Amino acid sequence: MTIKVISFDLDDTFWPIMPTILNAEKITNGWIKENYPGVGSLLGSKDVLEIRDKLLKDNPGLMYQLSKLRELSFVELGVLAGYSEKEAKEMATSSFEIFYRERNNVVLYAGVEECLDSLNKQYSLGVITNGNADLKIIGIDHYFDFNFSASGFNAAKPDPVMFEAVKDFTKCKGNQICHVGDHPINDVKASYDCEMNPIWFNDQELEWSVPEIQPLEVTHWERMEEAIKTF
């Protein structure tokens, strides 16, 4: 059956995430050390992980709310460093704004935008992500008809809830939907289990690790549209 809908993962599918996050952390931490040296002295300490673990223990749902978890963690870190709650909240809000700006300062893989521009004219496009990227800030939101994130569902891939939401939203069957992502379990197997047609984006040219299925593999975005048309 002809593909009508294509859903995409974001991090490590549209852009490499690790260089972006490391740069965002570097810039944010530099600002904190300059403006809140007491908090700066705790960065990289075990206190950061202990605060995060306690917040997750008290509210497990925060594991799906990455932005909120980060802000709350820094409020607690600020208080631990000796700042008032008001100061800690101001620091957490300002530092998150810096981090989030840089977190969305991504570099798209070669061919991504050209491919999306072409696919958008032929299919309904959407996003299924466990992350917290902002497509409007990045500048590619206009290509997509839906954007489903873990924060909106209080669940994360490979939970089928977001994949089933695509079916409900588009009124399409699984075999009319193609899902593109880099993660063998969260993207490929999870979408396959929901009767979708997965494409494994493997720019690192890794060995496939889930022997029970053999997905279509794409290593460069310039080949993505051609691969989708094979379904």
C-alpha atoms as a PDB file:
ATOM      1  CA  MET A   1       0.000   0.000   0.000  1.00  0.00           C
ATOM      2  CA  THR A   2       1.266   3.485  -0.827  1.00  0.00           C
ATOM      3  CA  ILE A   3       2.869   5.468   1.977  1.00  0.00           C
ATOM      4  CA  LYS A   4       0.775   8.498   2.967  1.00  0.00           C
ATOM      5  CA  VAL A   5       2.450   9.617   6.193  1.00  0.00           C
ATOM      6  CA  ILE A   6       6.083   9.877   7.293  1.00  0.00           C
ATOM      7  CA  SER A   7       7.044  10.387  10.924  1.00  0.00           C
ATOM      8  CA  PHE A   8      10.549  11.278  12.018  1.00  0.00           C
ATOM      9  CA  ASP A   9      12.715  11.118  15.099  1.00  0.00           C
ATOM     10  CA  LEU A  10      14.717  14.325  15.707  1.00  0.00           C
ATOM     11  CA  ASP A  11      17.994  14.004  17.653  1.00  0.00           C
ATOM     12  CA  ASP A  12      20.616  12.039  15.699  1.00  0.00           C
ATOM     13  CA  THR A  13      18.167  11.729  12.815  1.00  0.00           C
ATOM     14  CA  PHE A  14      17.929  15.340  11.619  1.00  0.00           C
ATOM     15  CA  TRP A  15      21.091  16.539  13.363  1.00  0.00           C
ATOM     16  CA  PRO A  16      23.891  15.122  15.530  1.00  0.00           C
ATOM     17  CA  ILE A  17      22.860  15.819  19.122  1.00  0.00           C
ATOM     18  CA  MET A  18      25.982  15.271  21.220  1.00  0.00           C
ATOM     19  CA  PRO A  19      28.056  18.207  19.860  1.00  0.00           C
ATOM     20  CA  THR A  20      25.019  20.451  20.317  1.00  0.00           C
ATOM     21  CA  ILE A  21      24.407  19.415  23.925  1.00  0.00           C
ATOM     22  CA  LEU A  22      28.080  19.658  24.879  1.00  0.00           C
ATOM     23  CA  ASN A  23      28.263  23.175  23.448  1.00  0.00           C
ATOM     24  CA  ALA A  24      25.021  24.172  25.196  1.00  0.00           C
ATOM     25  CA  GLU A  25      26.343  22.861  28.511  1.00  0.00           C
ATOM     26  CA  LYS A  26      29.665  24.669  28.059  1.00  0.00           C
ATOM     27  CA  ILE A  27      28.033  28.037  27.350  1.00  0.00           C
ATOM     28  CA  THR A  28      25.458  27.640  30.131  1.00  0.00           C
ATOM     29  CA  ASN A  29      28.001  26.527  32.712  1.00  0.00           C
ATOM     30  CA  GLY A  30      30.235  29.437  31.807  1.00  0.00           C
ATOM     31  CA  TRP A  31      27.379  31.862  32.453  1.00  0.00           C
ATOM     32  CA  ILE A  32      26.540  30.198  35.768  1.00  0.00           C
ATOM     33  CA  LYS A  33      30.145  30.297  36.986  1.00  0.00           C
ATOM     34  CA  GLU A  34      30.374  33.999  36.159  1.00  0.00           C
ATOM     35  CA  ASN A  35      27.038  35.023  37.627  1.00  0.00           C
ATOM     36  CA  TYR A  36      26.412  32.432  40.369  1.00  0.00           C
ATOM     37  CA  PRO A  37      29.838  31.161  41.430  1.00  0.00           C
ATOM     38  CA  GLY A  38      28.374  29.217  44.342  1.00  0.00           C
ATOM     39  CA  VAL A  39      26.361  27.089  41.922  1.00  0.00           C
ATOM     40  CA  GLY A  40      29.296  26.982  39.535  1.00  0.00           C
ATOM     41  CA  SER A  41      31.400  25.279  42.199  1.00  0.00           C
ATOM     42  CA  LEU A  42      28.871  22.435  42.383  1.00  0.00           C
ATOM     43  CA  LEU A  43      28.663  21.764  38.644  1.00  0.00           C
ATOM     44  CA  GLY A  44      29.982  18.318  37.842  1.00  0.00           C
ATOM     45  CA  SER A  45      29.671  17.186  41.463  1.00  0.00           C
ATOM     46  CA  LYS A  46      27.711  14.211  42.740  1.00  0.00           C
ATOM     47  CA  ASP A  47      25.181  16.710  44.121  1.00  0.00           C
ATOM     48  CA  VAL A  48      23.808  17.302  40.623  1.00  0.00           C
ATOM     49  CA  LEU A  49      22.989  13.620  40.096  1.00  0.00           C
ATOM     50  CA  GLU A  50      21.664  13.210  43.628  1.00  0.00           C
ATOM     51  CA  ILE A  51      19.279  16.141  43.164  1.00  0.00           C
ATOM     52  CA  ARG A  52      18.103  14.775  39.815  1.00  0.00           C
ATOM     53  CA  ASP A  53      17.599  11.284  41.246  1.00  0.00           C
ATOM     54  CA  LYS A  54      15.595  12.631  44.185  1.00  0.00           C
ATOM     55  CA  LEU A  55      13.362  14.707  41.916  1.00  0.00           C
ATOM     56  CA  LEU A  56      12.692  11.646  39.746  1.00  0.00           C
ATOM     57  CA  LYS A  57      12.017   9.485  42.797  1.00  0.00           C
ATOM     58  CA  ASP A  58       9.499  12.011  44.113  1.00  0.00           C
ATOM     59  CA  ASN A  59       7.936  12.565  40.680  1.00  0.00           C
ATOM     60  CA  PRO A  60       8.761   9.794  38.144  1.00  0.00           C
ATOM     61  CA  GLY A  61       6.807  11.639  35.449  1.00  0.00           C
ATOM     62  CA  LEU A  62       9.633  14.180  35.238  1.00  0.00           C
ATOM     63  CA  MET A  63      11.653  11.677  33.212  1.00  0.00           C
ATOM     64  CA  TYR A  64       9.401  12.650  30.301  1.00  0.00           C
ATOM     65  CA  GLN A  65       9.576  16.386  31.073  1.00  0.00           C
ATOM     66  CA  LEU A  66      13.217  17.140  30.296  1.00  0.00           C
ATOM     67  CA  SER A  67      12.912  20.922  30.356  1.00  0.00           C
ATOM     68  CA  LYS A  68      11.043  20.991  33.662  1.00  0.00           C
ATOM     69  CA  LEU A  69      13.433  18.462  35.209  1.00  0.00           C
ATOM     70  CA  ARG A  70      16.427  20.597  34.283  1.00  0.00           C
ATOM     71  CA  GLU A  71      14.927  23.790  35.718  1.00  0.00           C
ATOM     72  CA  LEU A  72      13.838  22.139  38.964  1.00  0.00           C
ATOM     73  CA  SER A  73      17.271  20.542  39.345  1.00  0.00           C
ATOM     74  CA  PHE A  74      18.966  23.914  39.098  1.00  0.00           C
ATOM     75  CA  VAL A  75      16.585  25.487  41.599  1.00  0.00           C
ATOM     76  CA  GLU A  76      17.556  22.796  44.097  1.00  0.00           C
ATOM     77  CA  LEU A  77      21.232  23.197  43.238  1.00  0.00           C
ATOM     78  CA  GLY A  78      20.994  26.949  43.785  1.00  0.00           C
ATOM     79  CA  VAL A  79      19.429  26.505  47.212  1.00  0.00           C
ATOM     80  CA  LEU A  80      22.086  23.931  48.099  1.00  0.00           C
ATOM     81  CA  ALA A  81      24.748  26.457  47.119  1.00  0.00           C
ATOM     82  CA  GLY A  82      23.351  28.934  49.637  1.00  0.00           C
ATOM     83  CA  TYR A  83      21.200  31.185  47.442  1.00  0.00           C
ATOM     84  CA  SER A  84      17.672  32.135  48.410  1.00  0.00           C
ATOM     85  CA  GLU A  85      14.831  30.310  46.700  1.00  0.00           C
ATOM     86  CA  LYS A  86      14.040  33.466  44.737  1.00  0.00           C
ATOM     87  CA  GLU A  87      17.644  33.785  43.565  1.00  0.00           C
ATOM     88  CA  ALA A  88      17.780  30.079  42.762  1.00  0.00           C
ATOM     89  CA  LYS A  89      14.626  30.278  40.661  1.00  0.00           C
ATOM     90  CA  GLU A  90      15.940  33.328  38.791  1.00  0.00           C
ATOM     91  CA  MET A  91      19.210  31.517  38.116  1.00  0.00           C
ATOM     92  CA  ALA A  92      17.428  28.355  36.979  1.00  0.00           C
ATOM     93  CA  THR A  93      15.130  30.252  34.622  1.00  0.00           C
ATOM     94  CA  SER A  94      17.894  32.369  33.073  1.00  0.00           C
ATOM     95  CA  SER A  95      20.337  29.494  32.736  1.00  0.00           C
ATOM     96  CA  PHE A  96      17.686  27.308  31.119  1.00  0.00           C
ATOM     97  CA  GLU A  97      16.903  30.018  28.581  1.00  0.00           C
ATOM     98  CA  ILE A  98      20.595  30.091  27.629  1.00  0.00           C
ATOM     99  CA  PHE A  99      20.820  26.304  27.500  1.00  0.00           C
ATOM    100  CA  TYR A 100      17.623  25.924  25.484  1.00  0.00           C
ATOM    101  CA  ARG A 101      18.696  28.531  22.946  1.00  0.00           C
ATOM    102  CA  GLU A 102      21.931  26.668  22.367  1.00  0.00           C
ATOM    103  CA  ARG A 103      20.262  23.256  22.521  1.00  0.00           C
ATOM    104  CA  ASN A 104      18.254  24.339  19.488  1.00  0.00           C
ATOM    105  CA  ASN A 105      21.295  25.745  17.690  1.00  0.00           C
ATOM    106  CA  VAL A 106      21.621  22.539  15.693  1.00  0.00           C
ATOM    107  CA  VAL A 107      23.435  21.777  12.454  1.00  0.00           C
ATOM    108  CA  LEU A 108      21.236  19.738  10.128  1.00  0.00           C
ATOM    109  CA  TYR A 109      22.719  16.767   8.334  1.00  0.00           C
ATOM    110  CA  ALA A 110      23.452  17.461   4.679  1.00  0.00           C
ATOM    111  CA  GLY A 111      20.323  17.022   2.581  1.00  0.00           C
ATOM    112  CA  VAL A 112      17.766  17.155   5.399  1.00  0.00           C
ATOM    113  CA  GLU A 113      16.001  20.384   4.473  1.00  0.00           C
ATOM    114  CA  GLU A 114      16.055  19.664   0.747  1.00  0.00           C
ATOM    115  CA  CYS A 115      14.505  16.261   1.430  1.00  0.00           C
ATOM    116  CA  LEU A 116      11.836  17.640   3.760  1.00  0.00           C
ATOM    117  CA  ASP A 117      10.939  20.313   1.220  1.00  0.00           C
ATOM    118  CA  SER A 118      10.346  17.641  -1.411  1.00  0.00           C
ATOM    119  CA  LEU A 119       8.580  15.129   0.867  1.00  0.00           C
ATOM    120  CA  ASN A 120       6.287  17.821   2.258  1.00  0.00           C
ATOM    121  CA  LYS A 121       4.745  18.195  -1.193  1.00  0.00           C
ATOM    122  CA  GLN A 122       3.937  14.479  -1.404  1.00  0.00           C
ATOM    123  CA  TYR A 123       3.187  13.215   2.098  1.00  0.00           C
ATOM    124  CA  SER A 124       1.899  14.277   5.488  1.00  0.00           C
ATOM    125  CA  LEU A 125       4.975  14.707   7.693  1.00  0.00           C
ATOM    126  CA  GLY A 126       5.300  14.623  11.458  1.00  0.00           C
ATOM    127  CA  VAL A 127       7.588  14.105  14.419  1.00  0.00           C
ATOM    128  CA  ILE A 128       7.781  11.547  17.225  1.00  0.00           C
ATOM    129  CA  THR A 129      10.466  12.518  19.727  1.00  0.00           C
ATOM    130  CA  ASN A 130      11.635  11.748  23.238  1.00  0.00           C
ATOM    131  CA  GLY A 131      13.554  15.033  23.304  1.00  0.00           C
ATOM    132  CA  ASN A 132      12.678  18.690  23.828  1.00  0.00           C
ATOM    133  CA  ALA A 133      13.859  20.377  20.628  1.00  0.00           C
ATOM    134  CA  ASP A 134      11.817  23.333  19.364  1.00  0.00           C
ATOM    135  CA  LEU A 135      11.223  23.032  15.619  1.00  0.00           C
ATOM    136  CA  LYS A 136      10.089  26.651  15.360  1.00  0.00           C
ATOM    137  CA  ILE A 137      13.349  27.950  16.846  1.00  0.00           C
ATOM    138  CA  ILE A 138      15.282  25.603  14.572  1.00  0.00           C
ATOM    139  CA  GLY A 139      13.275  26.869  11.607  1.00  0.00           C
ATOM    140  CA  ILE A 140      11.773  23.683  10.162  1.00  0.00           C
ATOM    141  CA  ASP A 141       8.370  23.539  11.883  1.00  0.00           C
ATOM    142  CA  HIS A 142       6.542  24.490   8.681  1.00  0.00           C
ATOM    143  CA  TYR A 143       7.282  21.098   7.134  1.00  0.00           C
ATOM    144  CA  PHE A 144       5.253  19.156   9.697  1.00  0.00           C
ATOM    145  CA  ASP A 145       1.581  18.471  10.335  1.00  0.00           C
ATOM    146  CA  PHE A 146       2.079  16.984  13.806  1.00  0.00           C
ATOM    147  CA  ASN A 147       4.731  16.944  16.523  1.00  0.00           C
ATOM    148  CA  PHE A 148       4.350  14.324  19.257  1.00  0.00           C
ATOM    149  CA  SER A 149       6.802  14.456  22.163  1.00  0.00           C
ATOM    150  CA  ALA A 150       7.344  12.428  25.300  1.00  0.00           C
ATOM    151  CA  SER A 151       6.436  15.470  27.403  1.00  0.00           C
ATOM    152  CA  GLY A 152       3.002  15.603  25.810  1.00  0.00           C
ATOM    153  CA  PHE A 153       2.223  11.948  26.463  1.00  0.00           C
ATOM    154  CA  ASN A 154       4.095  11.287  29.724  1.00  0.00           C
ATOM    155  CA  ALA A 155       5.572   8.317  27.903  1.00  0.00           C
ATOM    156  CA  ALA A 156       8.646   7.782  25.787  1.00  0.00           C
ATOM    157  CA  LYS A 157       9.522   5.637  22.817  1.00  0.00           C
ATOM    158  CA  PRO A 158       9.515   2.638  22.521  1.00  0.00           C
ATOM    159  CA  ASP A 159       6.133   2.881  24.259  1.00  0.00           C
ATOM    160  CA  PRO A 160       3.622   2.451  21.407  1.00  0.00           C
ATOM    161  CA  VAL A 161       1.393   5.308  22.579  1.00  0.00           C
ATOM    162  CA  MET A 162       2.990   7.956  20.346  1.00  0.00           C
ATOM    163  CA  PHE A 163       3.048   5.693  17.300  1.00  0.00           C
ATOM    164  CA  GLU A 164      -0.600   4.829  17.807  1.00  0.00           C
ATOM    165  CA  ALA A 165      -1.318   8.555  18.142  1.00  0.00           C
ATOM    166  CA  VAL A 166       0.024   9.040  14.616  1.00  0.00           C
ATOM    167  CA  LYS A 167      -2.508   6.527  13.316  1.00  0.00           C
ATOM    168  CA  ASP A 168      -5.309   8.246  15.200  1.00  0.00           C
ATOM    169  CA  PHE A 169      -4.282  11.722  14.096  1.00  0.00           C
ATOM    170  CA  THR A 170      -3.793  10.866  10.413  1.00  0.00           C
ATOM    171  CA  LYS A 171      -6.592   8.266  10.149  1.00  0.00           C
ATOM    172  CA  CYS A 172      -4.084   6.003   8.420  1.00  0.00           C
ATOM    173  CA  LYS A 173      -3.226   2.364   8.963  1.00  0.00           C
ATOM    174  CA  GLY A 174       0.241   1.368  10.060  1.00  0.00           C
ATOM    175  CA  ASN A 175       1.213   0.084   6.624  1.00  0.00           C
ATOM    176  CA  GLN A 176       0.482   3.530   5.195  1.00  0.00           C
ATOM    177  CA  ILE A 177       3.022   5.125   7.538  1.00  0.00           C
ATOM    178  CA  CYS A 178       6.818   5.221   7.341  1.00  0.00           C
ATOM    179  CA  HIS A 179       8.844   6.066  10.453  1.00  0.00           C
ATOM    180  CA  VAL A 180      12.442   7.283  10.148  1.00  0.00           C
ATOM    181  CA  GLY A 181      14.810   7.193  13.102  1.00  0.00           C
ATOM    182  CA  ASP A 182      18.295   6.322  14.284  1.00  0.00           C
ATOM    183  CA  HIS A 183      17.539   4.144  17.310  1.00  0.00           C
ATOM    184  CA  PRO A 184      17.185   0.389  16.633  1.00  0.00           C
ATOM    185  CA  ILE A 185      14.688  -0.128  19.488  1.00  0.00           C
ATOM    186  CA  ASN A 186      13.024   3.238  20.143  1.00  0.00           C
ATOM    187  CA  ASP A 187      12.455   4.010  16.473  1.00  0.00           C
ATOM    188  CA  VAL A 188      12.861   0.976  14.247  1.00  0.00           C
ATOM    189  CA  LYS A 189      11.496  -1.927  16.267  1.00  0.00           C
ATOM    190  CA  ALA A 190       8.908   0.205  18.057  1.00  0.00           C
ATOM    191  CA  SER A 191       7.407   1.455  14.792  1.00  0.00           C
ATOM    192  CA  TYR A 192       7.653  -2.028  13.242  1.00  0.00           C
ATOM    193  CA  ASP A 193       5.731  -3.467  16.200  1.00  0.00           C
ATOM    194  CA  CYS A 194       3.008  -0.903  15.459  1.00  0.00           C
ATOM    195  CA  GLU A 195       2.822  -2.255  11.878  1.00  0.00           C
ATOM    196  CA  MET A 196       4.568   0.757  10.368  1.00  0.00           C
ATOM    197  CA  ASN A 197       7.332   0.724   7.771  1.00  0.00           C
ATOM    198  CA  PRO A 198      10.598   1.681   9.509  1.00  0.00           C
ATOM    199  CA  ILE A 199      13.708   3.195   7.995  1.00  0.00           C
ATOM    200  CA  TRP A 200      16.896   3.034  10.039  1.00  0.00           C
ATOM    201  CA  PHE A 201      18.945   6.206   9.620  1.00  0.00           C
ATOM    202  CA  ASN A 202      22.473   4.954  10.207  1.00  0.00           C
ATOM    203  CA  ASP A 203      24.931   7.699   9.324  1.00  0.00           C
ATOM    204  CA  GLN A 204      27.521   6.097  11.631  1.00  0.00           C
ATOM    205  CA  GLU A 205      27.290   2.875   9.601  1.00  0.00           C
ATOM    206  CA  LEU A 206      26.880   0.739  12.724  1.00  0.00           C
ATOM    207  CA  GLU A 207      26.090  -2.972  12.778  1.00  0.00           C
ATOM    208  CA  TRP A 208      22.372  -3.755  13.008  1.00  0.00           C
ATOM    209  CA  SER A 209      21.585  -5.147  16.475  1.00  0.00           C
ATOM    210  CA  VAL A 210      18.014  -6.501  16.347  1.00  0.00           C
ATOM    211  CA  PRO A 211      18.190  -9.763  14.366  1.00  0.00           C
ATOM    212  CA  GLU A 212      14.439 -10.490  14.342  1.00  0.00           C
ATOM    213  CA  ILE A 213      13.825  -7.687  11.850  1.00  0.00           C
ATOM    214  CA  GLN A 214      15.813  -6.361   8.896  1.00  0.00           C
ATOM    215  CA  PRO A 215      14.842  -2.735   8.248  1.00  0.00           C
ATOM    216  CA  LEU A 216      15.550  -0.614   5.242  1.00  0.00           C
ATOM    217  CA  GLU A 217      18.746   1.310   6.011  1.00  0.00           C
ATOM    218  CA  VAL A 218      19.722   4.798   4.864  1.00  0.00           C
ATOM    219  CA  THR A 219      23.135   6.291   5.638  1.00  0.00           C
ATOM    220  CA  HIS A 220      22.799   9.664   3.871  1.00  0.00           C
ATOM    221  CA  TRP A 221      19.830  12.010   3.665  1.00  0.00           C
ATOM    222  CA  GLU A 222      20.341  12.439  -0.054  1.00  0.00           C
ATOM    223  CA  ARG A 223      19.069   8.853  -0.413  1.00  0.00           C
ATOM    224  CA  MET A 224      16.075   9.136   1.921  1.00  0.00           C
ATOM    225  CA  GLU A 225      13.348  10.056  -0.557  1.00  0.00           C
ATOM    226  CA  GLU A 226      14.353   7.262  -2.917  1.00  0.00           C
ATOM    227  CA  ALA A 227      14.260   4.776  -0.038  1.00  0.00           C
ATOM    228  CA  ILE A 228      10.766   5.854   1.051  1.00  0.00           C
ATOM    229  CA  LYS A 229       9.438   5.340  -2.451  1.00  0.00           C
ATOM    230  CA  THR A 230      10.422   1.661  -2.324  1.00  0.00           C
ATOM    231  CA  PHE A 231       7.579   0.863   0.104  1.00  0.00           C
END
